[in-house]
Amino acid sequence: MNRDVVKLIQDVLDRIALIESHLEHITTFSDYNSDIKTVDAVERRLAIIGEALWKADKMEPSILVSDKKRIISLRHILVHDYDLVDDATIWLICQKSLPILKAEVETILNSK
């Protein structure tokens, strides 16, 4: 795997860590939804994750990330179709999908 792809995958892992830190003391959707700074921060980090995966996928399409296309699509929605963003969906992504993505990118980085 070339260095640029490794950097992009590392960026994904770093942004996941930031999201985890943003959500460290937030345990319910209600708490998340009422904290606009956290909502903004999480959405920004998810957009960066989508952009990094899009760029990495262009360089190396064989990267094994199970929801790669959906993650890239989420980035488009967050940046261009922001009025379609549903906070409950973002919360669920953080709770259910980010741990899976984290495990996948850790595996990719550990196998380089």
Protein backbone atom coordinates (compact mmCIF):
# COMPACT_ATOMS: atom_id res chain seq x y z
CA MET A 1 0.00 0.00 0.00
CA ASN A 2 1.48 3.35 -0.96
CA ARG A 3 2.30 6.01 1.63
CA ASP A 4 -0.48 8.37 0.51
CA VAL A 5 -3.12 5.70 1.04
CA VAL A 6 -1.64 4.80 4.43
CA LYS A 7 -1.82 8.48 5.43
CA LEU A 8 -5.46 8.71 4.36
CA ILE A 9 -6.38 5.55 6.27
CA GLN A 10 -4.53 6.92 9.31
CA ASP A 11 -6.54 10.14 8.91
CA VAL A 12 -9.72 8.05 9.13
CA LEU A 13 -8.52 6.43 12.35
CA ASP A 14 -7.49 9.80 13.79
CA ARG A 15 -10.91 11.32 13.02
CA ILE A 16 -12.66 8.37 14.64
CA ALA A 17 -10.59 9.03 17.77
CA LEU A 18 -11.68 12.67 17.70
CA ILE A 19 -15.33 11.66 17.38
CA GLU A 20 -14.88 9.31 20.32
CA SER A 21 -13.42 12.16 22.36
CA HIS A 22 -16.29 14.49 21.36
CA LEU A 23 -18.78 11.87 22.54
CA GLU A 24 -16.86 10.76 25.63
CA HIS A 25 -19.35 12.23 28.14
CA ILE A 26 -22.43 12.02 25.94
CA THR A 27 -24.39 8.84 26.53
CA THR A 28 -27.82 9.53 25.05
CA PHE A 29 -29.17 10.84 21.79
CA SER A 30 -30.94 13.61 23.69
CA ASP A 31 -27.64 14.83 25.13
CA TYR A 32 -26.02 14.63 21.70
CA ASN A 33 -28.87 16.39 19.93
CA SER A 34 -28.93 19.26 22.44
CA ASP A 35 -25.18 19.97 22.14
CA ILE A 36 -24.81 21.83 18.83
CA LYS A 37 -21.02 22.12 19.16
CA THR A 38 -20.71 18.36 19.43
CA VAL A 39 -23.14 17.81 16.56
CA ASP A 40 -21.11 20.18 14.37
CA ALA A 41 -17.81 18.60 15.39
CA VAL A 42 -19.00 15.05 14.76
CA GLU A 43 -20.47 15.95 11.37
CA ARG A 44 -17.21 17.65 10.37
CA ARG A 45 -15.15 14.61 11.36
CA LEU A 46 -17.51 12.27 9.49
CA ALA A 47 -17.17 14.44 6.38
CA ILE A 48 -13.37 14.20 6.62
CA ILE A 49 -13.62 10.42 7.02
CA GLY A 50 -15.73 10.24 3.87
CA GLU A 51 -13.32 12.43 1.93
CA ALA A 52 -10.29 10.42 3.06
CA LEU A 53 -11.94 7.13 2.07
CA TRP A 54 -12.97 8.58 -1.29
CA LYS A 55 -9.39 9.65 -2.03
CA ALA A 56 -7.96 6.34 -0.78
CA ASP A 57 -10.48 4.38 -2.85
CA LYS A 58 -9.45 6.26 -5.99
CA MET A 59 -5.81 5.29 -5.39
CA GLU A 60 -6.45 1.76 -4.16
CA PRO A 61 -9.99 0.43 -4.77
CA SER A 62 -9.17 -2.90 -3.13
CA ILE A 63 -9.22 -1.38 0.36
CA LEU A 64 -11.55 -3.53 2.44
CA VAL A 65 -14.00 -1.26 4.22
CA SER A 66 -17.46 -2.79 4.39
CA ASP A 67 -19.54 0.39 4.04
CA LYS A 68 -17.08 2.39 1.96
CA LYS A 69 -19.63 3.66 -0.57
CA ARG A 70 -22.15 4.60 2.13
CA ILE A 71 -19.47 6.47 4.09
CA ILE A 72 -18.44 8.37 0.98
CA SER A 73 -22.12 9.13 0.25
CA LEU A 74 -22.59 10.43 3.79
CA ARG A 75 -19.77 12.89 3.17
CA HIS A 76 -21.63 14.21 0.13
CA ILE A 77 -24.81 14.65 2.16
CA LEU A 78 -23.00 16.38 5.02
CA VAL A 79 -21.26 18.82 2.69
CA HIS A 80 -23.74 19.39 -0.12
CA ASP A 81 -27.16 18.27 1.10
CA TYR A 82 -26.87 19.36 4.72
CA ASP A 83 -30.62 19.92 4.93
CA LEU A 84 -31.07 16.15 4.64
CA VAL A 85 -28.87 15.38 7.65
CA ASP A 86 -30.76 13.58 10.38
CA ASP A 87 -29.17 13.86 13.82
CA ALA A 88 -30.64 10.54 14.93
CA THR A 89 -29.01 8.80 11.96
CA ILE A 90 -25.66 10.42 12.72
CA TRP A 91 -25.96 9.30 16.35
CA LEU A 92 -26.66 5.71 15.25
CA ILE A 93 -23.71 5.80 12.86
CA CYS A 94 -21.47 6.86 15.74
CA GLN A 95 -22.83 4.16 18.04
CA LYS A 96 -23.06 1.22 15.61
CA SER A 97 -20.93 1.83 12.51
CA LEU A 98 -17.87 3.72 13.76
CA PRO A 99 -16.63 0.84 15.95
CA ILE A 100 -16.78 -1.44 12.90
CA LEU A 101 -14.97 1.10 10.72
CA LYS A 102 -12.36 1.59 13.43
CA ALA A 103 -11.65 -2.15 13.58
CA GLU A 104 -11.41 -2.34 9.78
CA VAL A 105 -8.98 0.56 9.41
CA GLU A 106 -6.87 -0.72 12.31
CA THR A 107 -6.64 -4.05 10.48
CA ILE A 108 -5.65 -2.28 7.26
CA LEU A 109 -2.97 -0.24 9.03
CA ASN A 110 -1.63 -3.26 10.93
CA SER A 111 -1.28 -5.27 7.70
CA LYS A 112 0.61 -2.62 5.72
